[in-house]
Each structure stands twice: as structure tokens, then as C-alpha cells.
Amino acid sequence: MTAGGASQRWSPEKPKEAGWYWFKRTDLPAHCQRSAVLEVCSIKGGLKVHEDYGDGVLWHPVKQYNGLWCGPLEPPHDQEAG
């Protein structure tokens, strides 16, 4: 996947590196689909998605997520810093 800017596109290709990614579930009816930004981390040699449900943090293998991905995302340019 290409990092940065307007050139990014949704892809069914799962992340191959740690970072922040847009993720859109496609295994639900269209009216239930939503997008979210997920953190993907390298843990014990595998990529896992960080999810915090308020009562504890869970790590799920990226391979469990079926949908479309976009990223890794880059932080916005700080215009005040120049």
C-alpha cells in the first residue's frame, strides 16, 4: 500500500507493516458498514490490531479482519511548525 495523501485507495490487501490504517468492514449489510482507524502493531512476530473496549485491551491477528484497508496513515503536516 502506498503511504500518504490523496493517492491512497481502499484495498482488500491486509497490512504488511505496523501503523495506523483506515479499515472498512465489508462482511455486513451496507447499512451496517462503517469505517474506523485501527492501530496495527507487530507483536511476537505477527501483526495484530489493538482494540480497547474500556475494560481491557485486546489484540487480534490482522488475518481475522475481513474488509478493505487504506494506509498506513501519515500524521497531518503541522502548519504552525512550518
C-alpha atoms as a PDB file:
ATOM      1  CA  MET A   1       0.000   0.000   0.000  1.00  0.00           C
ATOM      2  CA  THR A   2       1.138   3.487  -0.710  1.00  0.00           C
ATOM      3  CA  ALA A   3       1.610   5.751   2.265  1.00  0.00           C
ATOM      4  CA  GLY A   4       0.313   9.280   2.373  1.00  0.00           C
ATOM      5  CA  GLY A   5      -2.149  11.648   0.838  1.00  0.00           C
ATOM      6  CA  ALA A   6      -4.777  11.543  -1.850  1.00  0.00           C
ATOM      7  CA  SER A   7      -3.115   8.646  -3.676  1.00  0.00           C
ATOM      8  CA  GLN A   8      -4.388   6.162  -1.096  1.00  0.00           C
ATOM      9  CA  ARG A   9      -7.167   3.798  -2.125  1.00  0.00           C
ATOM     10  CA  TRP A  10      -9.240   1.144  -0.361  1.00  0.00           C
ATOM     11  CA  SER A  11      -7.760  -2.311  -0.866  1.00  0.00           C
ATOM     12  CA  PRO A  12      -8.591  -5.814   0.372  1.00  0.00           C
ATOM     13  CA  GLU A  13      -4.836  -6.317   0.902  1.00  0.00           C
ATOM     14  CA  LYS A  14      -4.132  -6.656   4.616  1.00  0.00           C
ATOM     15  CA  PRO A  15      -1.401  -4.503   6.237  1.00  0.00           C
ATOM     16  CA  LYS A  16       2.151  -5.775   5.957  1.00  0.00           C
ATOM     17  CA  GLU A  17       3.682  -3.337   8.454  1.00  0.00           C
ATOM     18  CA  ALA A  18       2.794  -1.676  11.735  1.00  0.00           C
ATOM     19  CA  GLY A  19       0.972   1.660  11.624  1.00  0.00           C
ATOM     20  CA  TRP A  20      -2.445   3.301  11.650  1.00  0.00           C
ATOM     21  CA  TYR A  21      -4.922   2.238   8.984  1.00  0.00           C
ATOM     22  CA  TRP A  22      -8.444   3.000   7.872  1.00  0.00           C
ATOM     23  CA  PHE A  23     -10.495  -0.189   7.947  1.00  0.00           C
ATOM     24  CA  LYS A  24     -13.960  -0.745   6.454  1.00  0.00           C
ATOM     25  CA  ARG A  25     -15.901  -3.927   7.222  1.00  0.00           C
ATOM     26  CA  THR A  26     -17.474  -5.470   4.151  1.00  0.00           C
ATOM     27  CA  ASP A  27     -18.937  -8.580   5.764  1.00  0.00           C
ATOM     28  CA  LEU A  28     -22.019  -6.702   6.990  1.00  0.00           C
ATOM     29  CA  PRO A  29     -25.067  -5.379   5.134  1.00  0.00           C
ATOM     30  CA  ALA A  30     -24.364  -1.998   3.501  1.00  0.00           C
ATOM     31  CA  HIS A  31     -26.466  -0.070   6.042  1.00  0.00           C
ATOM     32  CA  CYS A  32     -24.341  -1.514   8.897  1.00  0.00           C
ATOM     33  CA  GLN A  33     -20.909  -0.926   7.373  1.00  0.00           C
ATOM     34  CA  ARG A  34     -18.688   1.687   8.943  1.00  0.00           C
ATOM     35  CA  SER A  35     -15.084   2.767   8.797  1.00  0.00           C
ATOM     36  CA  ALA A  36     -12.631   3.128  11.658  1.00  0.00           C
ATOM     37  CA  VAL A  37      -8.972   3.933  12.146  1.00  0.00           C
ATOM     38  CA  LEU A  38      -7.161   0.971  13.684  1.00  0.00           C
ATOM     39  CA  GLU A  39      -3.682   0.632  15.162  1.00  0.00           C
ATOM     40  CA  VAL A  40      -1.732  -2.322  13.769  1.00  0.00           C
ATOM     41  CA  CYS A  41       1.272  -3.425  15.857  1.00  0.00           C
ATOM     42  CA  SER A  42       3.963  -6.043  15.460  1.00  0.00           C
ATOM     43  CA  ILE A  43       3.711  -8.380  18.462  1.00  0.00           C
ATOM     44  CA  LYS A  44       5.711 -11.577  18.804  1.00  0.00           C
ATOM     45  CA  GLY A  45       6.443 -11.727  15.094  1.00  0.00           C
ATOM     46  CA  GLY A  46       2.879 -11.153  13.908  1.00  0.00           C
ATOM     47  CA  LEU A  47       0.722  -8.156  13.053  1.00  0.00           C
ATOM     48  CA  LYS A  48      -2.146  -7.575  15.463  1.00  0.00           C
ATOM     49  CA  VAL A  49      -4.906  -4.996  15.738  1.00  0.00           C
ATOM     50  CA  HIS A  50      -5.189  -3.078  19.011  1.00  0.00           C
ATOM     51  CA  GLU A  51      -8.738  -2.749  20.341  1.00  0.00           C
ATOM     52  CA  ASP A  52      -9.638  -1.085  23.625  1.00  0.00           C
ATOM     53  CA  TYR A  53     -13.167  -1.788  24.846  1.00  0.00           C
ATOM     54  CA  GLY A  54     -12.793   0.246  28.049  1.00  0.00           C
ATOM     55  CA  ASP A  55     -12.500  -2.815  30.253  1.00  0.00           C
ATOM     56  CA  GLY A  56      -9.243  -4.048  28.771  1.00  0.00           C
ATOM     57  CA  VAL A  57      -7.093  -4.069  25.685  1.00  0.00           C
ATOM     58  CA  LEU A  58      -7.400  -6.911  23.205  1.00  0.00           C
ATOM     59  CA  TRP A  59      -5.046  -7.850  20.373  1.00  0.00           C
ATOM     60  CA  HIS A  60      -6.481  -9.673  17.365  1.00  0.00           C
ATOM     61  CA  PRO A  61      -4.468 -11.018  14.424  1.00  0.00           C
ATOM     62  CA  VAL A  62      -4.847  -8.907  11.271  1.00  0.00           C
ATOM     63  CA  LYS A  63      -5.863 -12.064   9.387  1.00  0.00           C
ATOM     64  CA  GLN A  64      -9.166 -12.073  11.337  1.00  0.00           C
ATOM     65  CA  TYR A  65     -10.240  -8.752   9.783  1.00  0.00           C
ATOM     66  CA  ASN A  66     -12.101  -9.078   6.503  1.00  0.00           C
ATOM     67  CA  GLY A  67     -12.756  -5.865   4.679  1.00  0.00           C
ATOM     68  CA  LEU A  68     -10.968  -3.010   2.997  1.00  0.00           C
ATOM     69  CA  TRP A  69      -7.828  -1.299   4.246  1.00  0.00           C
ATOM     70  CA  CYS A  70      -6.208   2.057   3.491  1.00  0.00           C
ATOM     71  CA  GLY A  71      -2.819   3.091   4.845  1.00  0.00           C
ATOM     72  CA  PRO A  72      -0.537   3.242   6.647  1.00  0.00           C
ATOM     73  CA  LEU A  73      -1.659   6.764   7.524  1.00  0.00           C
ATOM     74  CA  GLU A  74       0.753   9.617   8.000  1.00  0.00           C
ATOM     75  CA  PRO A  75       0.112  12.301  10.626  1.00  0.00           C
ATOM     76  CA  PRO A  76      -1.010  15.635   9.206  1.00  0.00           C
ATOM     77  CA  HIS A  77       1.631  18.240   8.473  1.00  0.00           C
ATOM     78  CA  ASP A  78       1.897  20.735  11.348  1.00  0.00           C
ATOM     79  CA  GLN A  79       1.313  24.017   9.527  1.00  0.00           C
ATOM     80  CA  GLU A  80       2.312  26.099  12.554  1.00  0.00           C
ATOM     81  CA  ALA A  81       5.725  24.428  12.687  1.00  0.00           C
ATOM     82  CA  GLY A  82       6.366  25.310   9.036  1.00  0.00           C
END
